[in-house]
N, C-alpha and C. Protein backbone atom coordinates (compact mmCIF):
# COMPACT_ATOMS: atom_id res chain seq x y z
N MET A 1 -20.84 21.69 -23.84
CA MET A 1 -20.00 21.47 -23.26
C MET A 1 -18.96 20.28 -25.00
N ASP A 2 -17.81 20.64 -24.68
CA ASP A 2 -17.28 19.89 -25.76
C ASP A 2 -17.51 18.00 -25.53
N PRO A 3 -17.40 17.28 -26.67
CA PRO A 3 -17.49 15.88 -25.99
C PRO A 3 -16.18 15.50 -26.03
N ARG A 4 -15.16 16.48 -27.20
CA ARG A 4 -13.77 15.49 -26.50
C ARG A 4 -13.62 15.75 -24.79
N PHE A 5 -13.79 16.94 -24.49
CA PHE A 5 -13.41 17.34 -23.01
C PHE A 5 -14.43 16.19 -22.21
N ASP A 6 -16.05 15.82 -22.44
CA ASP A 6 -16.41 14.83 -21.80
C ASP A 6 -15.82 13.82 -21.58
N SER A 7 -15.68 12.94 -23.39
CA SER A 7 -14.69 11.69 -23.17
C SER A 7 -13.73 11.62 -22.18
N VAL A 8 -12.39 12.38 -22.73
CA VAL A 8 -11.85 12.41 -21.52
C VAL A 8 -11.67 12.68 -20.09
N ALA A 9 -12.89 13.62 -19.41
CA ALA A 9 -13.00 13.65 -18.14
C ALA A 9 -13.40 11.95 -17.87
N ALA A 10 -14.57 11.84 -18.59
CA ALA A 10 -14.97 10.36 -18.40
C ALA A 10 -13.93 9.18 -17.96
N GLU A 11 -13.25 9.30 -18.91
CA GLU A 11 -11.67 8.45 -18.92
C GLU A 11 -11.13 8.44 -17.34
N TYR A 12 -10.77 9.93 -17.05
CA TYR A 12 -10.22 9.90 -15.65
C TYR A 12 -11.14 9.74 -14.73
N GLU A 13 -12.46 9.73 -14.64
CA GLU A 13 -13.41 9.34 -13.28
C GLU A 13 -13.72 8.21 -13.74
N ALA A 14 -13.51 7.46 -14.99
CA ALA A 14 -13.09 6.10 -14.64
C ALA A 14 -11.81 5.25 -13.78
N ARG A 15 -11.10 5.97 -14.16
CA ARG A 15 -9.70 5.56 -13.64
C ARG A 15 -9.73 6.00 -11.91
N ALA A 16 -10.33 6.85 -11.80
CA ALA A 16 -10.28 7.44 -10.46
C ALA A 16 -10.74 6.48 -9.07
N GLU A 17 -12.03 6.18 -10.42
CA GLU A 17 -13.14 5.32 -9.15
C GLU A 17 -12.64 4.02 -9.31
N ARG A 18 -11.58 3.44 -10.47
CA ARG A 18 -11.03 2.22 -9.98
C ARG A 18 -10.26 1.80 -9.26
N GLU A 19 -9.06 3.07 -9.58
CA GLU A 19 -8.22 3.39 -8.13
C GLU A 19 -8.59 3.05 -6.64
N SER A 20 -9.40 3.63 -6.72
CA SER A 20 -10.21 3.97 -5.28
C SER A 20 -10.88 2.46 -4.67
N ARG A 21 -11.18 1.81 -5.39
CA ARG A 21 -11.34 0.30 -5.10
C ARG A 21 -10.15 -0.56 -4.58
N GLU A 22 -9.61 -0.54 -5.70
CA GLU A 22 -8.04 -0.72 -5.50
C GLU A 22 -6.97 -0.59 -4.00
N MET A 23 -7.29 0.37 -3.49
CA MET A 23 -6.87 1.19 -2.39
C MET A 23 -7.15 0.00 -1.28
N TYR A 24 -8.18 0.05 -1.63
CA TYR A 24 -8.33 -0.65 0.29
C TYR A 24 -8.20 -2.06 -0.30
N ASN A 25 -7.34 -2.65 -1.41
CA ASN A 25 -6.92 -3.52 -1.05
C ASN A 25 -5.32 -3.82 -0.97
N ILE A 26 -4.71 -2.47 -1.31
CA ILE A 26 -3.55 -2.67 -0.75
C ILE A 26 -2.69 -2.33 0.64
N PRO A 27 -1.62 -3.01 0.95
CA PRO A 27 -1.56 -3.02 2.30
C PRO A 27 -0.74 -1.56 2.73
N PRO A 28 -0.98 -0.92 4.27
CA PRO A 28 -0.83 0.44 4.44
C PRO A 28 0.83 0.15 4.08
N ASP A 29 1.27 -0.36 4.36
CA ASP A 29 3.42 -0.99 4.08
C ASP A 29 3.56 -0.49 2.45
N GLN A 30 2.37 -0.91 1.85
CA GLN A 30 2.91 -0.58 0.28
C GLN A 30 2.42 0.24 -0.27
N MET A 31 0.86 0.90 0.54
CA MET A 31 0.71 2.41 -0.07
C MET A 31 1.63 3.62 -0.33
N MET A 32 2.63 3.26 -0.03
CA MET A 32 3.55 4.91 0.05
C MET A 32 4.55 4.76 -1.05
N ALA A 33 4.86 3.22 -1.26
CA ALA A 33 5.54 2.96 -2.42
C ALA A 33 4.92 2.25 -3.90
N ARG A 34 3.56 2.80 -3.73
CA ARG A 34 2.59 2.53 -5.13
C ARG A 34 2.06 4.07 -5.19
N ARG A 35 2.00 4.62 -4.04
CA ARG A 35 1.47 6.37 -4.93
C ARG A 35 1.27 6.37 -5.72
N ASP A 36 2.58 6.75 -6.57
CA ASP A 36 2.66 7.26 -7.84
C ASP A 36 2.61 6.67 -8.56
N GLU A 37 2.35 5.65 -8.51
CA GLU A 37 0.84 4.91 -9.58
C GLU A 37 -0.34 5.46 -9.81
N MET A 38 -1.08 5.87 -9.08
CA MET A 38 -2.23 6.67 -8.14
C MET A 38 -2.31 8.14 -8.98
N LEU A 39 -3.73 8.12 -9.63
CA LEU A 39 -3.97 9.24 -9.95
C LEU A 39 -4.35 10.23 -9.47
N LEU A 40 -4.51 10.15 -8.35
CA LEU A 40 -5.38 11.08 -6.71
C LEU A 40 -5.39 12.17 -7.19
N PRO A 41 -6.86 12.41 -8.01
CA PRO A 41 -6.86 13.58 -8.47
C PRO A 41 -7.95 14.83 -7.44
N VAL A 42 -8.08 15.74 -7.58
CA VAL A 42 -8.15 16.56 -7.01
C VAL A 42 -10.06 16.51 -6.82
N GLY A 43 -10.69 15.66 -7.68
CA GLY A 43 -12.00 15.66 -7.55
C GLY A 43 -12.87 16.70 -8.96
N ARG A 44 -13.97 16.18 -9.05
CA ARG A 44 -14.66 16.82 -10.23
C ARG A 44 -15.10 18.33 -9.17
N GLU A 45 -15.40 17.92 -8.09
CA GLU A 45 -16.23 19.22 -7.21
C GLU A 45 -15.40 20.42 -7.54
N THR A 46 -13.70 20.06 -7.09
CA THR A 46 -12.32 21.20 -6.58
C THR A 46 -11.93 21.34 -7.56
N ALA A 47 -11.83 20.43 -9.24
CA ALA A 47 -11.57 21.05 -10.58
C ALA A 47 -13.00 21.93 -11.10
N THR A 48 -14.31 21.83 -10.62
CA THR A 48 -15.10 22.83 -11.81
C THR A 48 -15.35 24.08 -10.38
N PHE A 49 -14.68 23.93 -9.15
CA PHE A 49 -14.30 25.01 -8.34
C PHE A 49 -13.11 26.22 -9.00
N LEU A 50 -11.53 25.42 -9.57
CA LEU A 50 -11.37 26.21 -10.13
C LEU A 50 -11.49 26.86 -11.62
N GLN A 51 -12.03 25.92 -11.77
CA GLN A 51 -12.42 26.96 -12.97
C GLN A 51 -13.53 28.16 -12.96
N LEU A 52 -14.71 28.02 -11.62
CA LEU A 52 -15.31 28.88 -11.59
C LEU A 52 -14.44 30.12 -11.16
N LEU A 53 -13.21 29.76 -10.29
CA LEU A 53 -12.32 31.09 -9.96
C LEU A 53 -11.54 31.60 -11.17
N ILE A 54 -11.46 31.03 -11.99
CA ILE A 54 -10.47 31.49 -13.24
C ILE A 54 -11.34 32.20 -14.06
N ARG A 55 -12.20 31.51 -14.41
CA ARG A 55 -13.22 32.66 -15.04
C ARG A 55 -13.79 34.17 -14.38
N GLY A 56 -13.74 33.47 -13.28
CA GLY A 56 -14.29 35.08 -11.91
C GLY A 56 -13.52 36.13 -12.19
N SER A 57 -11.99 35.37 -12.33
CA SER A 57 -10.42 36.85 -12.69
C SER A 57 -10.29 37.04 -13.64
N ALA A 58 -10.84 36.02 -14.55
CA ALA A 58 -10.13 36.53 -16.07
C ALA A 58 -8.54 35.97 -16.07
N ALA A 59 -8.30 34.68 -15.35
CA ALA A 59 -7.05 34.52 -15.26
C ALA A 59 -6.63 34.63 -16.63
N ARG A 60 -5.40 34.55 -17.00
CA ARG A 60 -4.82 34.38 -18.44
C ARG A 60 -3.93 33.45 -18.40
N ASN A 61 -2.59 34.13 -17.15
CA ASN A 61 -1.21 33.11 -16.93
C ASN A 61 -1.54 32.21 -15.94
N ILE A 62 -1.74 31.08 -16.68
CA ILE A 62 -2.23 30.23 -15.54
C ILE A 62 -1.02 28.82 -14.92
N VAL A 63 -0.79 28.78 -13.86
CA VAL A 63 0.06 27.73 -13.45
C VAL A 63 0.01 26.51 -12.38
N GLU A 64 0.24 25.75 -12.86
CA GLU A 64 -0.44 24.41 -11.85
C GLU A 64 1.30 23.92 -12.01
N ILE A 65 1.02 23.70 -10.28
CA ILE A 65 2.53 23.01 -9.95
C ILE A 65 1.95 21.53 -9.44
N GLY A 66 2.53 20.69 -10.83
CA GLY A 66 2.21 19.17 -10.25
C GLY A 66 0.93 18.74 -10.76
N THR A 67 1.70 17.91 -12.02
CA THR A 67 0.57 17.66 -13.08
C THR A 67 0.11 16.35 -13.08
N SER A 68 0.59 15.66 -12.34
CA SER A 68 0.46 14.15 -12.27
C SER A 68 0.11 13.34 -13.63
N TYR A 69 -1.23 13.13 -13.76
CA TYR A 69 -1.54 12.55 -14.83
C TYR A 69 -2.44 13.62 -15.58
N GLY A 70 -2.76 15.03 -15.37
CA GLY A 70 -3.30 15.75 -15.76
C GLY A 70 -4.91 15.91 -15.79
N TYR A 71 -5.54 15.41 -14.53
CA TYR A 71 -6.66 15.55 -13.86
C TYR A 71 -7.00 16.92 -14.23
N SER A 72 -6.58 17.38 -13.12
CA SER A 72 -6.84 19.03 -12.64
C SER A 72 -6.47 19.72 -14.43
N THR A 73 -5.33 19.43 -14.86
CA THR A 73 -4.95 20.58 -16.00
C THR A 73 -5.92 20.44 -17.15
N LEU A 74 -7.00 19.12 -17.01
CA LEU A 74 -7.82 19.19 -18.17
C LEU A 74 -8.54 20.57 -17.70
N TYR A 75 -9.38 20.67 -16.70
CA TYR A 75 -10.53 21.28 -16.31
C TYR A 75 -9.27 23.12 -16.27
N LEU A 76 -8.13 23.00 -15.57
CA LEU A 76 -7.63 24.58 -16.03
C LEU A 76 -7.67 24.85 -17.37
N ALA A 77 -7.33 23.82 -18.55
CA ALA A 77 -6.97 24.25 -19.80
C ALA A 77 -8.40 24.14 -20.27
N GLN A 78 -9.44 23.96 -19.88
CA GLN A 78 -11.09 24.57 -20.82
C GLN A 78 -11.41 25.49 -19.91
N ALA A 79 -10.98 26.12 -19.32
CA ALA A 79 -10.93 27.18 -18.18
C ALA A 79 -10.08 28.57 -19.05
N ALA A 80 -8.81 27.70 -19.50
CA ALA A 80 -7.69 28.78 -20.08
C ALA A 80 -8.29 28.76 -21.24
N ARG A 81 -8.75 27.99 -22.71
CA ARG A 81 -9.42 28.33 -23.72
C ARG A 81 -10.57 29.58 -24.20
N GLU A 82 -11.39 29.23 -22.50
CA GLU A 82 -12.66 29.71 -22.90
C GLU A 82 -12.35 31.37 -22.88
N GLY A 83 -11.31 31.72 -21.87
CA GLY A 83 -11.07 33.07 -21.38
C GLY A 83 -9.53 33.46 -22.25
N SER A 84 -8.82 32.64 -23.68
CA SER A 84 -7.86 33.43 -24.42
C SER A 84 -6.74 33.37 -23.42
N GLY A 85 -6.29 32.43 -22.44
CA GLY A 85 -5.34 32.07 -21.61
C GLY A 85 -4.33 30.81 -21.82
N ARG A 86 -4.00 30.66 -21.27
CA ARG A 86 -2.47 29.56 -21.15
C ARG A 86 -2.53 28.99 -20.10
N VAL A 87 -2.16 27.75 -19.74
CA VAL A 87 -1.85 27.06 -18.63
C VAL A 87 -0.28 26.62 -19.16
N THR A 88 0.82 26.48 -17.76
CA THR A 88 1.72 26.27 -17.65
C THR A 88 1.92 25.00 -16.64
N THR A 89 1.91 24.16 -16.85
CA THR A 89 1.67 23.22 -15.96
C THR A 89 3.30 22.30 -15.32
N ILE A 90 3.50 21.89 -14.47
CA ILE A 90 5.06 21.42 -14.05
C ILE A 90 5.05 19.90 -13.23
N GLU A 91 5.54 19.13 -13.67
CA GLU A 91 5.86 17.49 -13.19
C GLU A 91 7.35 17.33 -13.58
N LEU A 92 7.40 16.39 -12.55
CA LEU A 92 8.93 15.75 -12.57
C LEU A 92 8.78 14.80 -12.77
N ALA A 93 7.86 13.78 -13.15
CA ALA A 93 7.75 12.50 -14.15
C ALA A 93 8.08 12.61 -15.51
N ALA A 94 8.54 12.47 -16.31
CA ALA A 94 8.63 12.46 -17.56
C ALA A 94 7.02 11.85 -18.27
N ALA A 95 6.76 10.39 -17.84
CA ALA A 95 5.96 9.63 -18.14
C ALA A 95 4.50 9.87 -17.61
N LYS A 96 4.57 10.83 -16.88
CA LYS A 96 2.97 11.09 -16.34
C LYS A 96 2.66 12.54 -17.54
N SER A 97 3.80 13.26 -17.92
CA SER A 97 3.34 14.68 -18.35
C SER A 97 3.18 14.41 -19.51
N GLN A 98 3.70 13.12 -20.20
CA GLN A 98 3.04 12.51 -21.23
C GLN A 98 1.77 11.78 -21.37
N TYR A 99 1.08 11.37 -20.38
CA TYR A 99 0.42 10.70 -20.29
C TYR A 99 -0.91 12.00 -20.14
N ALA A 100 -0.61 13.21 -19.51
CA ALA A 100 -1.79 13.96 -19.10
C ALA A 100 -1.14 14.92 -20.52
N ARG A 101 -0.46 14.92 -21.87
CA ARG A 101 -0.17 15.24 -22.95
C ARG A 101 -1.07 14.56 -23.93
N GLU A 102 -0.98 13.85 -23.78
CA GLU A 102 -1.88 12.56 -24.63
C GLU A 102 -3.31 12.63 -24.09
N ALA A 103 -4.00 12.55 -22.88
CA ALA A 103 -4.92 12.96 -22.68
C ALA A 103 -5.65 14.28 -23.19
N LEU A 104 -4.37 15.24 -23.01
CA LEU A 104 -5.45 16.62 -23.22
C LEU A 104 -5.61 16.41 -24.94
N THR A 105 -4.18 16.15 -25.52
CA THR A 105 -4.73 16.10 -27.06
C THR A 105 -5.92 15.64 -27.67
N ARG A 106 -6.49 14.51 -26.92
CA ARG A 106 -7.67 13.66 -27.32
C ARG A 106 -8.72 14.54 -26.81
N ALA A 107 -8.54 15.51 -25.94
CA ALA A 107 -9.35 16.38 -25.27
C ALA A 107 -9.72 17.99 -26.11
N GLY A 108 -8.94 18.38 -26.88
CA GLY A 108 -8.41 19.04 -28.17
C GLY A 108 -8.46 20.51 -27.25
N LEU A 109 -7.39 20.34 -26.26
CA LEU A 109 -6.60 21.50 -25.43
C LEU A 109 -5.03 21.47 -25.10
N ALA A 110 -4.64 20.55 -26.15
CA ALA A 110 -3.44 20.44 -25.76
C ALA A 110 -2.68 21.39 -25.69
N GLU A 111 -2.81 22.30 -26.87
CA GLU A 111 -2.63 23.66 -27.67
C GLU A 111 -2.54 24.64 -26.65
N HIS A 112 -3.38 24.83 -25.48
CA HIS A 112 -3.55 25.69 -24.69
C HIS A 112 -2.57 25.49 -23.47
N VAL A 113 -1.49 24.81 -23.39
CA VAL A 113 -0.97 24.21 -22.07
C VAL A 113 0.62 23.72 -22.60
N ASP A 114 1.43 24.71 -21.85
CA ASP A 114 2.87 24.41 -21.90
C ASP A 114 3.43 23.19 -21.08
N PHE A 115 3.86 22.05 -21.55
CA PHE A 115 3.95 21.18 -20.33
C PHE A 115 5.08 21.05 -19.82
N ARG A 116 5.87 21.30 -18.96
CA ARG A 116 6.87 21.45 -18.58
C ARG A 116 7.40 19.97 -17.42
N VAL A 117 9.07 19.44 -17.55
CA VAL A 117 9.41 17.89 -17.27
C VAL A 117 10.35 18.57 -15.91
N GLY A 118 9.93 18.88 -14.96
CA GLY A 118 11.88 19.37 -14.15
C GLY A 118 11.23 19.22 -12.45
N ASP A 119 12.50 19.70 -11.89
CA ASP A 119 11.95 19.78 -10.52
C ASP A 119 11.59 21.37 -10.56
N ALA A 120 10.20 21.34 -9.65
CA ALA A 120 9.14 22.35 -9.28
C ALA A 120 9.80 23.64 -9.10
N LEU A 121 11.05 23.84 -8.31
CA LEU A 121 11.13 24.77 -7.59
C LEU A 121 12.20 25.66 -8.62
N LYS A 122 13.16 24.83 -9.57
CA LYS A 122 14.06 25.21 -10.31
C LYS A 122 12.91 25.75 -11.41
N VAL A 123 11.56 24.83 -11.92
CA VAL A 123 10.76 25.57 -13.00
C VAL A 123 10.31 26.89 -12.54
N ILE A 124 9.57 27.02 -11.27
CA ILE A 124 9.12 28.01 -10.89
C ILE A 124 10.16 29.63 -10.94
N GLU A 125 11.25 29.15 -11.08
CA GLU A 125 12.13 30.34 -11.38
C GLU A 125 12.11 31.02 -12.55
N THR A 126 12.15 30.23 -13.95
CA THR A 126 12.00 30.66 -15.05
C THR A 126 10.98 31.12 -15.60
N LEU A 127 9.47 31.28 -14.67
CA LEU A 127 8.44 31.41 -15.13
C LEU A 127 8.39 32.76 -15.50
N SER A 128 7.51 32.88 -16.27
CA SER A 128 7.32 34.73 -16.16
C SER A 128 6.32 35.05 -15.38
N ALA A 129 6.54 36.66 -15.09
CA ALA A 129 5.39 37.63 -14.54
C ALA A 129 4.62 38.37 -15.16
N PRO A 130 3.42 38.78 -14.67
CA PRO A 130 3.01 38.04 -13.69
C PRO A 130 2.06 37.11 -13.96
N ILE A 131 2.02 36.51 -12.84
CA ILE A 131 0.87 34.97 -12.64
C ILE A 131 -0.64 34.92 -12.13
N ASP A 132 -1.42 35.44 -12.96
CA ASP A 132 -2.70 35.50 -12.71
C ASP A 132 -3.52 34.16 -11.74
N PHE A 133 -2.95 32.74 -12.10
CA PHE A 133 -3.99 32.05 -10.89
C PHE A 133 -2.76 30.84 -10.94
N ALA A 134 -2.43 29.86 -9.69
CA ALA A 134 -1.47 29.45 -9.58
C ALA A 134 -2.20 27.60 -8.57
N LEU A 135 -2.23 26.81 -9.09
CA LEU A 135 -2.61 25.42 -8.13
C LEU A 135 -1.49 24.85 -7.94
N ILE A 136 -1.22 24.78 -6.88
CA ILE A 136 0.02 23.79 -5.93
C ILE A 136 -0.21 22.50 -5.74
N ASP A 137 -0.24 21.75 -6.16
CA ASP A 137 -0.39 20.34 -5.64
C ASP A 137 0.48 19.16 -5.92
N LEU A 138 1.38 19.05 -5.00
CA LEU A 138 2.67 17.96 -5.56
C LEU A 138 2.87 17.39 -4.02
N TRP A 139 4.06 17.13 -4.10
CA TRP A 139 4.25 16.31 -2.68
C TRP A 139 3.99 17.53 -1.62
N LYS A 140 3.81 17.00 -0.74
CA LYS A 140 3.77 18.13 0.50
C LYS A 140 4.78 18.78 1.12
N ASP A 141 5.58 18.69 1.47
CA ASP A 141 7.58 19.23 1.90
C ASP A 141 7.40 20.38 0.76
N LEU A 142 6.73 20.15 -0.07
CA LEU A 142 7.11 21.45 -1.34
C LEU A 142 6.39 22.33 -1.47
N TYR A 143 5.36 22.67 -0.61
CA TYR A 143 4.11 23.04 -0.28
C TYR A 143 4.86 25.02 -0.12
N VAL A 144 5.51 25.09 0.64
CA VAL A 144 6.18 26.17 1.23
C VAL A 144 6.82 26.61 0.40
N PRO A 145 8.12 25.84 -0.10
CA PRO A 145 8.61 26.01 -1.05
C PRO A 145 8.18 26.94 -2.39
N CYS A 146 7.63 26.23 -2.98
CA CYS A 146 6.54 26.33 -3.92
C CYS A 146 6.02 28.40 -3.41
N LEU A 147 5.43 28.00 -2.80
CA LEU A 147 4.77 29.03 -2.36
C LEU A 147 5.73 30.42 -2.57
N GLU A 148 6.58 30.39 -1.90
CA GLU A 148 8.13 30.83 -1.14
C GLU A 148 8.39 31.80 -2.65
N LEU A 149 8.00 31.19 -3.44
CA LEU A 149 9.15 31.00 -5.04
C LEU A 149 8.06 31.89 -5.77
N ILE A 150 6.82 31.88 -5.99
CA ILE A 150 5.73 32.01 -7.07
C ILE A 150 5.34 33.00 -6.21
N THR A 151 4.92 33.42 -4.73
CA THR A 151 4.28 34.58 -4.49
C THR A 151 5.05 36.06 -5.15
N PRO A 152 6.34 36.09 -4.94
CA PRO A 152 6.35 37.68 -5.75
C PRO A 152 6.43 37.61 -7.09
N LYS A 153 5.86 36.69 -8.05
CA LYS A 153 5.81 36.88 -9.20
C LYS A 153 3.99 36.49 -9.23
N LEU A 154 3.30 36.92 -8.41
CA LEU A 154 1.67 36.96 -8.51
C LEU A 154 1.61 38.42 -8.93
N ARG A 155 0.14 38.40 -9.77
CA ARG A 155 -0.24 39.91 -9.97
C ARG A 155 -0.59 40.40 -8.69
N SER A 156 -1.26 41.68 -8.64
CA SER A 156 -2.14 42.03 -7.31
C SER A 156 -3.94 41.30 -7.83
N GLY A 157 -4.51 41.11 -7.00
CA GLY A 157 -5.29 40.13 -7.47
C GLY A 157 -5.62 39.23 -7.70
N ALA A 158 -3.90 38.06 -7.80
CA ALA A 158 -3.83 36.53 -8.19
C ALA A 158 -4.03 35.94 -7.04
N VAL A 159 -5.09 34.47 -7.88
CA VAL A 159 -5.28 33.59 -6.50
C VAL A 159 -4.54 32.64 -6.89
N VAL A 160 -4.13 31.98 -5.43
CA VAL A 160 -3.09 30.92 -5.47
C VAL A 160 -4.00 29.92 -4.81
N VAL A 161 -3.98 28.66 -5.09
CA VAL A 161 -4.85 27.41 -4.13
C VAL A 161 -4.05 26.30 -4.17
N GLY A 162 -3.95 26.13 -2.66
CA GLY A 162 -3.24 24.96 -2.40
C GLY A 162 -4.25 23.31 -1.52
N ASP A 163 -4.18 22.64 -2.67
CA ASP A 163 -4.54 21.24 -2.07
C ASP A 163 -4.07 19.94 -0.94
N ASN A 164 -5.38 19.64 -0.45
CA ASN A 164 -4.59 18.40 0.38
C ASN A 164 -4.77 19.19 1.46
N MET A 165 -5.26 20.42 1.91
CA MET A 165 -5.80 20.67 2.65
C MET A 165 -5.67 19.75 4.28
N LEU A 166 -7.33 19.36 4.19
CA LEU A 166 -7.99 18.70 5.07
C LEU A 166 -7.22 16.61 5.30
N GLN A 167 -7.58 16.40 4.04
CA GLN A 167 -7.25 15.46 3.63
C GLN A 167 -5.96 14.79 2.60
N PRO A 168 -4.90 13.83 3.11
CA PRO A 168 -5.23 12.61 3.67
C PRO A 168 -4.90 13.13 5.22
N GLU A 169 -4.99 12.54 5.88
CA GLU A 169 -4.36 12.58 7.43
C GLU A 169 -2.76 12.89 7.67
N MET A 170 -2.13 12.15 7.22
CA MET A 170 -0.79 12.48 7.23
C MET A 170 -0.23 13.62 6.76
N ALA A 171 -0.90 14.34 5.59
CA ALA A 171 -0.45 15.46 5.10
C ALA A 171 -0.37 16.66 6.07
N ARG A 172 -1.25 16.63 6.72
CA ARG A 172 -1.96 17.29 7.57
C ARG A 172 -1.02 18.26 8.04
N PRO A 173 0.51 17.62 8.55
CA PRO A 173 1.47 18.38 9.19
C PRO A 173 1.85 19.44 8.22
N ALA A 174 2.39 19.16 6.89
CA ALA A 174 2.21 19.98 5.53
C ALA A 174 1.54 21.28 5.34
N ALA A 175 0.31 20.56 5.84
CA ALA A 175 -0.69 21.85 5.22
C ALA A 175 -0.66 22.49 6.04
N LEU A 176 -0.84 22.48 7.52
CA LEU A 176 -0.59 23.57 7.99
C LEU A 176 0.28 24.73 8.48
N ALA A 177 1.30 23.54 7.70
CA ALA A 177 2.89 24.70 8.27
C ALA A 177 2.38 25.78 6.75
N TYR A 178 1.58 25.26 5.66
CA TYR A 178 1.54 25.96 4.38
C TYR A 178 0.56 27.06 4.82
N GLN A 179 -0.81 26.93 5.80
CA GLN A 179 -1.46 27.64 6.04
C GLN A 179 -1.11 29.00 7.01
N LYS A 180 -0.47 28.58 7.69
CA LYS A 180 0.26 29.39 8.76
C LYS A 180 1.79 30.05 7.68
N ARG A 181 2.28 29.78 6.79
CA ARG A 181 2.86 30.48 6.35
C ARG A 181 2.05 31.05 4.77
N VAL A 182 1.06 31.15 4.29
CA VAL A 182 0.46 31.73 3.64
C VAL A 182 -0.25 33.18 4.36
N ARG A 183 -0.31 32.79 5.68
CA ARG A 183 -1.35 33.92 6.33
C ARG A 183 -0.06 35.12 6.28
N GLU A 184 1.31 34.60 6.72
CA GLU A 184 2.52 35.67 6.81
C GLU A 184 3.11 36.19 5.40
N LEU A 185 2.19 35.85 4.42
CA LEU A 185 3.01 36.98 3.40
C LEU A 185 1.53 37.80 2.73
N GLU A 186 1.78 38.55 1.77
CA GLU A 186 0.63 38.86 1.27
C GLU A 186 -0.53 38.74 0.46
N LEU A 187 -1.08 37.76 1.24
CA LEU A 187 -2.10 37.09 0.97
C LEU A 187 -3.42 37.27 2.14
N ASP A 188 -4.65 37.01 1.32
CA ASP A 188 -5.65 37.19 2.18
C ASP A 188 -6.26 35.55 2.09
N SER A 189 -6.45 35.00 3.14
CA SER A 189 -6.70 33.47 2.85
C SER A 189 -7.50 32.93 3.24
N VAL A 190 -8.13 31.49 3.03
CA VAL A 190 -9.73 30.91 3.82
C VAL A 190 -9.56 29.50 3.08
N LEU A 191 -9.39 28.66 4.33
CA LEU A 191 -9.86 27.68 4.15
C LEU A 191 -10.81 26.77 3.37
N LEU A 192 -11.13 26.12 2.57
CA LEU A 192 -12.30 25.60 2.05
C LEU A 192 -12.42 24.03 2.47
N ASN A 193 -13.34 23.52 2.91
CA ASN A 193 -13.86 22.43 2.55
C ASN A 193 -14.82 21.68 1.57
N ILE A 194 -13.78 21.68 0.49
CA ILE A 194 -14.18 21.38 -0.60
C ILE A 194 -13.23 20.19 -0.95
N GLY A 195 -13.48 18.84 -1.50
CA GLY A 195 -12.88 17.87 -1.66
C GLY A 195 -12.17 17.63 -0.62
N SER A 196 -10.99 17.46 -0.65
CA SER A 196 -9.87 17.27 0.27
C SER A 196 -9.23 18.55 0.82
N GLY A 197 -10.03 19.40 0.87
CA GLY A 197 -10.02 21.01 1.37
C GLY A 197 -8.45 21.49 0.90
N ILE A 198 -9.27 23.01 0.43
CA ILE A 198 -8.18 23.86 -0.31
C ILE A 198 -8.38 25.10 0.58
N GLU A 199 -6.93 25.95 0.29
CA GLU A 199 -6.27 26.62 0.81
C GLU A 199 -6.71 28.05 -0.11
N VAL A 200 -7.64 28.76 -0.55
CA VAL A 200 -7.57 30.13 -1.48
C VAL A 200 -7.57 30.82 -1.06
N SER A 201 -5.99 31.78 -1.53
CA SER A 201 -6.07 33.31 -1.07
C SER A 201 -5.54 33.62 -2.59
N ARG A 202 -5.50 35.20 -1.98
CA ARG A 202 -5.45 36.33 -3.00
C ARG A 202 -4.43 37.11 -2.60
N LYS A 203 -3.66 37.57 -3.43
CA LYS A 203 -2.59 38.37 -3.23
C LYS A 203 -3.17 40.04 -3.42
N ARG A 204 -2.82 40.62 -2.02
CA ARG A 204 -3.59 41.81 -2.21
C ARG A 204 -3.25 43.00 -3.26
C-alpha cells in the first residue's frame, strides 16, 4: 500500500469518527441544516467493495456522482490508478470539490481524477461514453434522474452502484424509487446489506 494513501485514508476515518460523535449532540431540527458540513462517508467496507468491483471488471472510465469531501473518490482513484483508468467526479459545492482535490493531491492520486463542479444532471450530459463504472451518491431525490441520464452512456457489462439504499431511514422512499426504476431498465440488479446498503446493477 502507498503510505500517502494510508495517511489520507486515516485522516478521513478520524474525521468520520469525530463527526459521528458530534451528531449525537446535534438536535434533530438542526441536523438537516448542518448535514452539508458532515463527511457522511460510504465507509471503509463499502469503499473497499467498490474497489473490488472496479478491479474485477477492469473498469477504466469511472464516474462518481457526488464527490462530497472525497472519501469514496480516494478509493475509486486508487483502483483507477492500478487499472490505468480515470475517475470523473461531480460535485455541486466548489468548496467540497476543492477539499477533495487537496486530499487526493496529498495521497498522490489527484492526477487520476477529473474534478467537475456543477449541477450533476448537466454535467452527466457532457460525459463521454462508454462509461465502465458509476457510483451514485448525492441528494437522494436526484438518484433516479441521474440513473436515467447515465444508463445510456454505460457500456454493456458496466456496473452502477447506488448508495444509502437502507440507511438513513428518511431516504428510504427515494431509495425504493431508485430500486424500482433500476429494475425497469436494461440492468440486472441486487440489493446488498453492505455499509448503508448498496444497489449493485450491471448493464446487460
